[in-house]
PDB file of N, CA and C in Angstrom:
ATOM      1  N   MET A   1      -0.643-137.837 -51.664  1.00  0.00           N
ATOM      2  CA  MET A   1      -0.704-137.495 -50.245  1.00  0.00           C
ATOM      3  C   MET A   1       0.736-137.665 -49.984  1.00  0.00           C
ATOM      4  N   THR A   2       1.270-136.691 -49.095  1.00  0.00           N
ATOM      5  CA  THR A   2       2.543-136.754 -48.765  1.00  0.00           C
ATOM      6  C   THR A   2       2.803-137.735 -47.578  1.00  0.00           C
ATOM      7  N   THR A   3       4.024-138.038 -47.427  1.00  0.00           N
ATOM      8  CA  THR A   3       4.450-138.947 -46.242  1.00  0.00           C
ATOM      9  C   THR A   3       4.676-138.084 -45.018  1.00  0.00           C
ATOM     10  N   PRO A   4       3.690-138.534 -43.902  1.00  0.00           N
ATOM     11  CA  PRO A   4       3.864-137.531 -42.608  1.00  0.00           C
ATOM     12  C   PRO A   4       5.266-137.803 -42.054  1.00  0.00           C
ATOM     13  N   GLN A   5       5.763-136.789 -41.573  1.00  0.00           N
ATOM     14  CA  GLN A   5       6.952-136.689 -40.944  1.00  0.00           C
ATOM     15  C   GLN A   5       6.906-137.556 -39.606  1.00  0.00           C
ATOM     16  N   PRO A   6       7.934-138.236 -39.068  1.00  0.00           N
ATOM     17  CA  PRO A   6       7.765-138.963 -37.872  1.00  0.00           C
ATOM     18  C   PRO A   6       7.775-137.913 -36.705  1.00  0.00           C
ATOM     19  N   LEU A   7       6.978-138.321 -35.715  1.00  0.00           N
ATOM     20  CA  LEU A   7       6.788-137.528 -34.645  1.00  0.00           C
ATOM     21  C   LEU A   7       7.980-137.062 -33.717  1.00  0.00           C
ATOM     22  N   HIS A   8       8.802-138.174 -33.683  1.00  0.00           N
ATOM     23  CA  HIS A   8      10.000-138.012 -32.793  1.00  0.00           C
ATOM     24  C   HIS A   8       9.634-137.524 -31.581  1.00  0.00           C
ATOM     25  N   LEU A   9       8.674-137.931 -30.899  1.00  0.00           N
ATOM     26  CA  LEU A   9       8.145-137.691 -29.640  1.00  0.00           C
ATOM     27  C   LEU A   9       9.246-137.691 -28.456  1.00  0.00           C
ATOM     28  N   ASP A  10      10.161-138.462 -28.527  1.00  0.00           N
ATOM     29  CA  ASP A  10      11.085-138.350 -27.471  1.00  0.00           C
ATOM     30  C   ASP A  10      12.428-138.955 -28.047  1.00  0.00           C
ATOM     31  N   GLN A  11      13.246-137.824 -28.559  1.00  0.00           N
ATOM     32  CA  GLN A  11      14.324-137.973 -29.353  1.00  0.00           C
ATOM     33  C   GLN A  11      15.460-138.450 -28.582  1.00  0.00           C
ATOM     34  N   SER A  12      15.498-138.291 -27.303  1.00  0.00           N
ATOM     35  CA  SER A  12      16.557-138.808 -26.486  1.00  0.00           C
ATOM     36  C   SER A  12      16.665-140.460 -26.093  1.00  0.00           C
ATOM     37  N   GLU A  13      15.391-140.891 -26.192  1.00  0.00           N
ATOM     38  CA  GLU A  13      15.293-142.402 -25.852  1.00  0.00           C
ATOM     39  C   GLU A  13      13.982-142.965 -26.711  1.00  0.00           C
ATOM     40  N   PHE A  14      14.428-143.716 -27.829  1.00  0.00           N
ATOM     41  CA  PHE A  14      13.209-144.197 -28.508  1.00  0.00           C
ATOM     42  C   PHE A  14      12.268-145.219 -27.791  1.00  0.00           C
ATOM     43  N   ASP A  15      12.970-145.764 -26.761  1.00  0.00           N
ATOM     44  CA  ASP A  15      12.030-146.777 -26.000  1.00  0.00           C
ATOM     45  C   ASP A  15      11.170-146.199 -24.886  1.00  0.00           C
ATOM     46  N   ARG A  16      11.326-145.009 -24.611  1.00  0.00           N
ATOM     47  CA  ARG A  16      10.558-144.429 -23.455  1.00  0.00           C
ATOM     48  C   ARG A  16       9.251-144.312 -23.730  1.00  0.00           C
ATOM     49  N   PRO A  17       8.237-144.804 -22.747  1.00  0.00           N
ATOM     50  CA  PRO A  17       6.936-144.847 -22.932  1.00  0.00           C
ATOM     51  C   PRO A  17       6.353-143.340 -23.361  1.00  0.00           C
ATOM     52  N   THR A  18       5.545-143.215 -24.312  1.00  0.00           N
ATOM     53  CA  THR A  18       4.934-141.922 -24.790  1.00  0.00           C
ATOM     54  C   THR A  18       3.452-142.212 -25.213  1.00  0.00           C
ATOM     55  N   GLU A  19       2.712-141.096 -25.040  1.00  0.00           N
ATOM     56  CA  GLU A  19       1.387-140.990 -25.541  1.00  0.00           C
ATOM     57  C   GLU A  19       1.050-139.923 -26.201  1.00  0.00           C
ATOM     58  N   THR A  20       0.287-139.980 -27.397  1.00  0.00           N
ATOM     59  CA  THR A  20      -0.168-138.969 -28.173  1.00  0.00           C
ATOM     60  C   THR A  20      -1.727-139.213 -28.656  1.00  0.00           C
ATOM     61  N   ARG A  21      -2.253-138.050 -29.164  1.00  0.00           N
ATOM     62  CA  ARG A  21      -3.548-138.132 -29.548  1.00  0.00           C
ATOM     63  C   ARG A  21      -3.388-137.867 -31.237  1.00  0.00           C
ATOM     64  N   LEU A  22      -4.151-138.794 -31.891  1.00  0.00           N
ATOM     65  CA  LEU A  22      -4.141-138.604 -33.397  1.00  0.00           C
ATOM     66  C   LEU A  22      -5.524-138.734 -33.950  1.00  0.00           C
ATOM     67  N   LYS A  23      -5.875-138.022 -35.030  1.00  0.00           N
ATOM     68  CA  LYS A  23      -7.132-138.097 -35.814  1.00  0.00           C
ATOM     69  C   LYS A  23      -6.743-138.628 -36.951  1.00  0.00           C
ATOM     70  N   ILE A  24      -7.576-139.908 -37.277  1.00  0.00           N
ATOM     71  CA  ILE A  24      -7.089-140.462 -38.603  1.00  0.00           C
ATOM     72  C   ILE A  24      -8.429-140.540 -39.587  1.00  0.00           C
ATOM     73  N   LYS A  25      -8.056-140.576 -40.929  1.00  0.00           N
ATOM     74  CA  LYS A  25      -9.319-140.739 -41.784  1.00  0.00           C
ATOM     75  C   LYS A  25      -8.883-142.083 -42.667  1.00  0.00           C
ATOM     76  N   ILE A  26      -9.778-143.025 -42.451  1.00  0.00           N
ATOM     77  CA  ILE A  26      -9.455-144.338 -43.064  1.00  0.00           C
ATOM     78  C   ILE A  26     -10.449-144.416 -44.389  1.00  0.00           C
ATOM     79  N   PRO A  27      -9.543-144.628 -45.513  1.00  0.00           N
ATOM     80  CA  PRO A  27     -10.451-144.577 -46.703  1.00  0.00           C
ATOM     81  C   PRO A  27     -11.301-145.803 -46.658  1.00  0.00           C
ATOM     82  N   GLN A  28     -12.545-145.527 -47.481  1.00  0.00           N
ATOM     83  CA  GLN A  28     -13.671-146.325 -47.484  1.00  0.00           C
ATOM     84  C   GLN A  28     -13.279-147.703 -47.964  1.00  0.00           C
ATOM     85  N   LYS A  29     -12.312-147.749 -48.961  1.00  0.00           N
ATOM     86  CA  LYS A  29     -11.804-149.167 -49.494  1.00  0.00           C
ATOM     87  C   LYS A  29     -11.250-150.016 -48.293  1.00  0.00           C
ATOM     88  N   TYR A  30     -10.742-149.485 -47.226  1.00  0.00           N
ATOM     89  CA  TYR A  30     -10.332-150.241 -46.077  1.00  0.00           C
ATOM     90  C   TYR A  30     -11.180-150.554 -45.088  1.00  0.00           C
ATOM     91  N   GLN A  31     -12.641-150.208 -45.236  1.00  0.00           N
ATOM     92  CA  GLN A  31     -13.613-150.402 -44.204  1.00  0.00           C
ATOM     93  C   GLN A  31     -13.756-151.869 -43.552  1.00  0.00           C
ATOM     94  N   GLN A  32     -13.465-152.728 -44.301  1.00  0.00           N
ATOM     95  CA  GLN A  32     -13.527-154.256 -43.904  1.00  0.00           C
ATOM     96  C   GLN A  32     -12.159-154.460 -43.399  1.00  0.00           C
ATOM     97  N   GLN A  33     -11.077-153.957 -43.282  1.00  0.00           N
ATOM     98  CA  GLN A  33      -9.757-154.174 -42.864  1.00  0.00           C
ATOM     99  C   GLN A  33      -9.435-153.655 -41.475  1.00  0.00           C
ATOM    100  N   PRO A  34      -8.583-154.514 -40.880  1.00  0.00           N
ATOM    101  CA  PRO A  34      -8.275-154.075 -39.412  1.00  0.00           C
ATOM    102  C   PRO A  34      -7.248-153.248 -39.193  1.00  0.00           C
ATOM    103  N   ILE A  35      -7.394-152.045 -39.745  1.00  0.00           N
ATOM    104  CA  ILE A  35      -6.441-151.013 -39.706  1.00  0.00           C
ATOM    105  C   ILE A  35      -5.931-150.596 -38.331  1.00  0.00           C
ATOM    106  N   ILE A  36      -6.937-150.325 -37.478  1.00  0.00           N
ATOM    107  CA  ILE A  36      -6.661-149.906 -36.076  1.00  0.00           C
ATOM    108  C   ILE A  36      -5.993-151.093 -35.350  1.00  0.00           C
ATOM    109  N   SER A  37      -6.438-152.114 -35.594  1.00  0.00           N
ATOM    110  CA  SER A  37      -5.944-153.379 -34.901  1.00  0.00           C
ATOM    111  C   SER A  37      -4.692-153.617 -35.255  1.00  0.00           C
ATOM    112  N   ARG A  38      -4.114-153.229 -36.302  1.00  0.00           N
ATOM    113  CA  ARG A  38      -2.805-153.459 -37.055  1.00  0.00           C
ATOM    114  C   ARG A  38      -1.674-152.525 -35.975  1.00  0.00           C
ATOM    115  N   LEU A  39      -2.238-151.347 -35.562  1.00  0.00           N
ATOM    116  CA  LEU A  39      -1.430-150.696 -34.717  1.00  0.00           C
ATOM    117  C   LEU A  39      -0.931-151.397 -33.435  1.00  0.00           C
ATOM    118  N   THR A  40      -1.853-152.211 -33.045  1.00  0.00           N
ATOM    119  CA  THR A  40      -1.368-153.105 -31.720  1.00  0.00           C
ATOM    120  C   THR A  40      -0.652-154.363 -32.214  1.00  0.00           C
ATOM    121  N   SER A  41      -1.274-155.112 -33.163  1.00  0.00           N
ATOM    122  CA  SER A  41      -0.536-156.291 -33.452  1.00  0.00           C
ATOM    123  C   SER A  41       0.707-156.267 -34.333  1.00  0.00           C
ATOM    124  N   HIS A  42       0.921-155.238 -35.191  1.00  0.00           N
ATOM    125  CA  HIS A  42       2.060-155.133 -35.838  1.00  0.00           C
ATOM    126  C   HIS A  42       3.024-154.175 -35.136  1.00  0.00           C
ATOM    127  N   HIS A  43       2.551-153.143 -34.361  1.00  0.00           N
ATOM    128  CA  HIS A  43       3.518-152.225 -33.811  1.00  0.00           C
ATOM    129  C   HIS A  43       3.599-152.145 -32.158  1.00  0.00           C
ATOM    130  N   GLY A  44       2.831-152.996 -31.637  1.00  0.00           N
ATOM    131  CA  GLY A  44       2.917-153.181 -30.239  1.00  0.00           C
ATOM    132  C   GLY A  44       2.340-151.973 -29.408  1.00  0.00           C
ATOM    133  N   LEU A  45       1.424-151.141 -30.102  1.00  0.00           N
ATOM    134  CA  LEU A  45       0.987-150.021 -29.442  1.00  0.00           C
ATOM    135  C   LEU A  45      -0.286-150.261 -28.530  1.00  0.00           C
ATOM    136  N   GLU A  46      -0.630-149.304 -27.682  1.00  0.00           N
ATOM    137  CA  GLU A  46      -2.056-149.605 -26.899  1.00  0.00           C
ATOM    138  C   GLU A  46      -2.753-148.325 -27.668  1.00  0.00           C
ATOM    139  N   VAL A  47      -3.973-148.739 -27.882  1.00  0.00           N
ATOM    140  CA  VAL A  47      -4.951-147.706 -28.685  1.00  0.00           C
ATOM    141  C   VAL A  47      -6.166-147.663 -27.990  1.00  0.00           C
ATOM    142  N   ASN A  48      -6.432-146.541 -27.936  1.00  0.00           N
ATOM    143  CA  ASN A  48      -7.959-146.067 -27.163  1.00  0.00           C
ATOM    144  C   ASN A  48      -8.583-145.203 -28.212  1.00  0.00           C
ATOM    145  N   ILE A  49      -9.677-145.853 -28.648  1.00  0.00           N
ATOM    146  CA  ILE A  49     -10.621-144.872 -29.589  1.00  0.00           C
ATOM    147  C   ILE A  49     -11.491-144.009 -28.662  1.00  0.00           C
ATOM    148  N   VAL A  50     -11.127-142.845 -28.830  1.00  0.00           N
ATOM    149  CA  VAL A  50     -11.862-141.861 -28.071  1.00  0.00           C
ATOM    150  C   VAL A  50     -13.246-141.432 -28.734  1.00  0.00           C
ATOM    151  N   ALA A  51     -13.258-141.350 -30.038  1.00  0.00           N
ATOM    152  CA  ALA A  51     -14.296-141.230 -30.882  1.00  0.00           C
ATOM    153  C   ALA A  51     -14.246-141.628 -32.191  1.00  0.00           C
ATOM    154  N   ALA A  52     -15.348-142.014 -32.900  1.00  0.00           N
ATOM    155  CA  ALA A  52     -15.314-142.508 -34.203  1.00  0.00           C
ATOM    156  C   ALA A  52     -16.638-142.076 -35.010  1.00  0.00           C
ATOM    157  N   LEU A  53     -16.515-142.002 -36.354  1.00  0.00           N
ATOM    158  CA  LEU A  53     -17.621-141.872 -37.094  1.00  0.00           C
ATOM    159  C   LEU A  53     -17.496-142.795 -38.412  1.00  0.00           C
ATOM    160  N   LEU A  54     -18.204-143.906 -38.300  1.00  0.00           N
ATOM    161  CA  LEU A  54     -18.166-144.801 -39.335  1.00  0.00           C
ATOM    162  C   LEU A  54     -19.575-145.686 -39.382  1.00  0.00           C
ATOM    163  N   GLY A  55     -20.224-145.503 -40.442  1.00  0.00           N
ATOM    164  CA  GLY A  55     -21.532-146.311 -40.648  1.00  0.00           C
ATOM    165  C   GLY A  55     -21.291-147.587 -41.142  1.00  0.00           C
ATOM    166  N   ALA A  56     -22.269-148.560 -40.797  1.00  0.00           N
ATOM    167  CA  ALA A  56     -22.244-149.839 -41.218  1.00  0.00           C
ATOM    168  C   ALA A  56     -22.478-149.738 -42.787  1.00  0.00           C
ATOM    169  N   ASN A  57     -21.630-150.380 -43.516  1.00  0.00           N
ATOM    170  CA  ASN A  57     -21.895-150.400 -45.038  1.00  0.00           C
ATOM    171  C   ASN A  57     -21.796-149.109 -45.630  1.00  0.00           C
ATOM    172  N   SER A  58     -21.023-148.292 -45.059  1.00  0.00           N
ATOM    173  CA  SER A  58     -20.926-146.891 -45.480  1.00  0.00           C
ATOM    174  C   SER A  58     -19.999-146.843 -46.705  1.00  0.00           C
ATOM    175  N   GLN A  59     -20.407-145.767 -47.500  1.00  0.00           N
ATOM    176  CA  GLN A  59     -19.834-145.417 -48.724  1.00  0.00           C
ATOM    177  C   GLN A  59     -18.715-144.267 -48.567  1.00  0.00           C
ATOM    178  N   ASN A  60     -18.620-144.012 -47.247  1.00  0.00           N
ATOM    179  CA  ASN A  60     -17.725-142.868 -46.808  1.00  0.00           C
ATOM    180  C   ASN A  60     -16.541-143.237 -46.063  1.00  0.00           C
ATOM    181  N   ASP A  61     -15.676-142.434 -45.816  1.00  0.00           N
ATOM    182  CA  ASP A  61     -14.510-142.583 -45.140  1.00  0.00           C
ATOM    183  C   ASP A  61     -14.693-142.862 -43.556  1.00  0.00           C
ATOM    184  N   GLY A  62     -13.911-143.361 -42.947  1.00  0.00           N
ATOM    185  CA  GLY A  62     -14.104-143.599 -41.516  1.00  0.00           C
ATOM    186  C   GLY A  62     -13.052-142.676 -40.781  1.00  0.00           C
ATOM    187  N   TRP A  63     -13.689-141.984 -39.765  1.00  0.00           N
ATOM    188  CA  TRP A  63     -12.962-141.046 -38.999  1.00  0.00           C
ATOM    189  C   TRP A  63     -12.687-141.407 -37.509  1.00  0.00           C
ATOM    190  N   PHE A  64     -11.407-141.522 -37.032  1.00  0.00           N
ATOM    191  CA  PHE A  64     -11.205-141.929 -35.619  1.00  0.00           C
ATOM    192  C   PHE A  64     -10.407-140.967 -35.009  1.00  0.00           C
ATOM    193  N   ASP A  65     -10.688-140.684 -33.728  1.00  0.00           N
ATOM    194  CA  ASP A  65      -9.760-140.004 -32.795  1.00  0.00           C
ATOM    195  C   ASP A  65      -9.255-141.032 -31.638  1.00  0.00           C
ATOM    196  N   LEU A  66      -7.853-141.094 -31.784  1.00  0.00           N
ATOM    197  CA  LEU A  66      -7.380-142.059 -31.088  1.00  0.00           C
ATOM    198  C   LEU A  66      -6.303-141.733 -30.011  1.00  0.00           C
ATOM    199  N   GLU A  67      -6.009-142.171 -28.753  1.00  0.00           N
ATOM    200  CA  GLU A  67      -4.866-142.085 -27.985  1.00  0.00           C
ATOM    201  C   GLU A  67      -4.134-143.227 -28.232  1.00  0.00           C
ATOM    202  N   ILE A  68      -2.848-143.010 -28.608  1.00  0.00           N
ATOM    203  CA  ILE A  68      -1.893-144.084 -29.053  1.00  0.00           C
ATOM    204  C   ILE A  68      -0.778-143.912 -27.955  1.00  0.00           C
ATOM    205  N   ARG A  69      -0.423-145.292 -27.356  1.00  0.00           N
ATOM    206  CA  ARG A  69       0.626-145.232 -26.326  1.00  0.00           C
ATOM    207  C   ARG A  69       1.498-146.270 -26.687  1.00  0.00           C
ATOM    208  N   GLY A  70       2.926-145.882 -26.670  1.00  0.00           N
ATOM    209  CA  GLY A  70       3.872-146.740 -27.026  1.00  0.00           C
ATOM    210  C   GLY A  70       5.286-146.097 -27.071  1.00  0.00           C
ATOM    211  N   SER A  71       6.384-146.503 -27.572  1.00  0.00           N
ATOM    212  CA  SER A  71       7.594-145.806 -27.607  1.00  0.00           C
ATOM    213  C   SER A  71       7.508-144.914 -28.885  1.00  0.00           C
ATOM    214  N   SER A  72       8.340-143.958 -28.744  1.00  0.00           N
ATOM    215  CA  SER A  72       8.427-143.099 -29.897  1.00  0.00           C
ATOM    216  C   SER A  72       8.702-143.758 -31.311  1.00  0.00           C
ATOM    217  N   GLN A  73       9.527-144.800 -31.069  1.00  0.00           N
ATOM    218  CA  GLN A  73       9.825-145.704 -32.294  1.00  0.00           C
ATOM    219  C   GLN A  73       8.627-146.456 -32.866  1.00  0.00           C
ATOM    220  N   GLN A  74       7.949-146.842 -31.993  1.00  0.00           N
ATOM    221  CA  GLN A  74       6.714-147.799 -32.425  1.00  0.00           C
ATOM    222  C   GLN A  74       5.705-146.822 -33.097  1.00  0.00           C
ATOM    223  N   ILE A  75       5.540-145.522 -32.353  1.00  0.00           N
ATOM    224  CA  ILE A  75       4.468-144.819 -33.004  1.00  0.00           C
ATOM    225  C   ILE A  75       4.966-144.331 -34.377  1.00  0.00           C
ATOM    226  N   ASP A  76       6.340-143.826 -34.530  1.00  0.00           N
ATOM    227  CA  ASP A  76       6.717-143.492 -35.808  1.00  0.00           C
ATOM    228  C   ASP A  76       6.641-144.479 -36.959  1.00  0.00           C
ATOM    229  N   ASN A  77       6.922-145.681 -36.574  1.00  0.00           N
ATOM    230  CA  ASN A  77       6.754-146.775 -37.404  1.00  0.00           C
ATOM    231  C   ASN A  77       5.272-146.907 -37.840  1.00  0.00           C
ATOM    232  N   ALA A  78       4.397-146.880 -36.955  1.00  0.00           N
ATOM    233  CA  ALA A  78       2.924-147.134 -37.205  1.00  0.00           C
ATOM    234  C   ALA A  78       2.418-145.892 -38.060  1.00  0.00           C
ATOM    235  N   LEU A  79       2.952-144.691 -37.924  1.00  0.00           N
ATOM    236  CA  LEU A  79       2.698-143.561 -38.681  1.00  0.00           C
ATOM    237  C   LEU A  79       2.951-143.888 -40.047  1.00  0.00           C
ATOM    238  N   LEU A  80       4.160-144.374 -40.440  1.00  0.00           N
ATOM    239  CA  LEU A  80       4.659-144.659 -41.565  1.00  0.00           C
ATOM    240  C   LEU A  80       3.789-145.713 -42.406  1.00  0.00           C
ATOM    241  N   ASP A  81       3.474-146.869 -41.643  1.00  0.00           N
ATOM    242  CA  ASP A  81       2.526-147.793 -42.122  1.00  0.00           C
ATOM    243  C   ASP A  81       1.223-147.207 -42.540  1.00  0.00           C
ATOM    244  N   LEU A  82       0.687-146.269 -41.804  1.00  0.00           N
ATOM    245  CA  LEU A  82      -0.641-145.702 -42.025  1.00  0.00           C
ATOM    246  C   LEU A  82      -0.497-144.802 -43.404  1.00  0.00           C
ATOM    247  N   ALA A  83       0.678-144.167 -43.553  1.00  0.00           N
ATOM    248  CA  ALA A  83       0.953-143.576 -44.689  1.00  0.00           C
ATOM    249  C   ALA A  83       1.030-144.284 -45.814  1.00  0.00           C
ATOM    250  N   GLU A  84       1.556-145.375 -46.036  1.00  0.00           N
ATOM    251  CA  GLU A  84       1.532-146.367 -46.910  1.00  0.00           C
ATOM    252  C   GLU A  84       0.179-146.856 -47.425  1.00  0.00           C
ATOM    253  N   LEU A  85      -0.579-146.753 -46.626  1.00  0.00           N
ATOM    254  CA  LEU A  85      -2.154-147.267 -46.877  1.00  0.00           C
ATOM    255  C   LEU A  85      -2.981-146.047 -47.308  1.00  0.00           C
ATOM    256  N   ASP A  86      -2.221-144.698 -47.361  1.00  0.00           N
ATOM    257  CA  ASP A  86      -2.964-143.573 -47.666  1.00  0.00           C
ATOM    258  C   ASP A  86      -4.125-143.292 -46.504  1.00  0.00           C
ATOM    259  N   VAL A  87      -3.771-143.430 -45.421  1.00  0.00           N
ATOM    260  CA  VAL A  87      -4.561-143.023 -44.074  1.00  0.00           C
ATOM    261  C   VAL A  87      -4.194-141.578 -43.657  1.00  0.00           C
ATOM    262  N   GLU A  88      -5.083-140.742 -43.837  1.00  0.00           N
ATOM    263  CA  GLU A  88      -4.686-139.347 -43.379  1.00  0.00           C
ATOM    264  C   GLU A  88      -4.608-139.321 -41.854  1.00  0.00           C
ATOM    265  N   VAL A  89      -3.509-138.620 -41.464  1.00  0.00           N
ATOM    266  CA  VAL A  89      -3.116-138.481 -39.981  1.00  0.00           C
ATOM    267  C   VAL A  89      -3.156-137.069 -39.494  1.00  0.00           C
ATOM    268  N   TRP A  90      -3.698-136.666 -38.503  1.00  0.00           N
ATOM    269  CA  TRP A  90      -3.604-135.202 -37.864  1.00  0.00           C
ATOM    270  C   TRP A  90      -3.261-135.495 -36.538  1.00  0.00           C
ATOM    271  N   TYR A  91      -2.369-134.487 -36.109  1.00  0.00           N
ATOM    272  CA  TYR A  91      -1.798-134.638 -34.732  1.00  0.00           C
ATOM    273  C   TYR A  91      -1.216-133.174 -34.447  1.00  0.00           C
ATOM    274  N   GLN A  92      -1.437-132.822 -33.255  1.00  0.00           N
ATOM    275  CA  GLN A  92      -0.927-131.450 -32.669  1.00  0.00           C
ATOM    276  C   GLN A  92       0.264-131.585 -31.971  1.00  0.00           C
ATOM    277  N   SER A  93       1.364-130.851 -32.452  1.00  0.00           N
ATOM    278  CA  SER A  93       2.560-131.062 -31.638  1.00  0.00           C
ATOM    279  C   SER A  93       2.320-130.400 -30.416  1.00  0.00           C
ATOM    280  N   GLY A  94       3.091-130.885 -29.237  1.00  0.00           N
ATOM    281  CA  GLY A  94       2.826-130.486 -27.823  1.00  0.00           C
ATOM    282  C   GLY A  94       1.776-131.247 -27.161  1.00  0.00           C
ATOM    283  N   GLN A  95       1.011-132.107 -27.743  1.00  0.00           N
ATOM    284  CA  GLN A  95      -0.037-132.978 -27.242  1.00  0.00           C
ATOM    285  C   GLN A  95       0.419-134.291 -26.549  1.00  0.00           C
ATOM    286  N   GLU A  96       1.793-134.565 -26.876  1.00  0.00           N
ATOM    287  CA  GLU A  96       2.435-135.826 -26.425  1.00  0.00           C
ATOM    288  C   GLU A  96       2.603-135.671 -25.028  1.00  0.00           C
ATOM    289  N   ILE A  97       2.581-137.079 -24.289  1.00  0.00           N
ATOM    290  CA  ILE A  97       2.808-137.096 -22.711  1.00  0.00           C
ATOM    291  C   ILE A  97       3.856-138.232 -22.610  1.00  0.00           C
ATOM    292  N   ASP A  98       4.996-137.716 -22.273  1.00  0.00           N
ATOM    293  CA  ASP A  98       6.164-138.783 -21.880  1.00  0.00           C
ATOM    294  C   ASP A  98       5.880-139.421 -20.510  1.00  0.00           C
ATOM    295  N   GLY A  99       6.439-140.671 -20.594  1.00  0.00           N
ATOM    296  CA  GLY A  99       6.565-141.393 -19.225  1.00  0.00           C
ATOM    297  C   GLY A  99       5.193-141.801 -18.535  1.00  0.00           C
ATOM    298  N   TRP A 100       4.260-142.140 -19.372  1.00  0.00           N
ATOM    299  CA  TRP A 100       2.997-142.454 -18.817  1.00  0.00           C
ATOM    300  C   TRP A 100       3.190-143.809 -18.147  1.00  0.00           C
TER     301      TRP A 100
END
């Protein structure tokens, strides 16, 4: 898997509040790990789980539709962290909302 490119949601000010919507696939091997919680505790992001598909004791990967709020820098750092864990990330450019 290739490392995702940083979103650079707000290139003028990395500290400006920004919101984006992501879909992520968390590998089954991390099912018992607090991957989404890490986005909050390690990166200071606000995370809203819009939808999820993950069965108890599932042998499959988990799919999550997330709304992420934080600075552009925080979101970029979180994306790099997810990439290191082989978490697949999908986002659509143009979906970000600045200055929430």
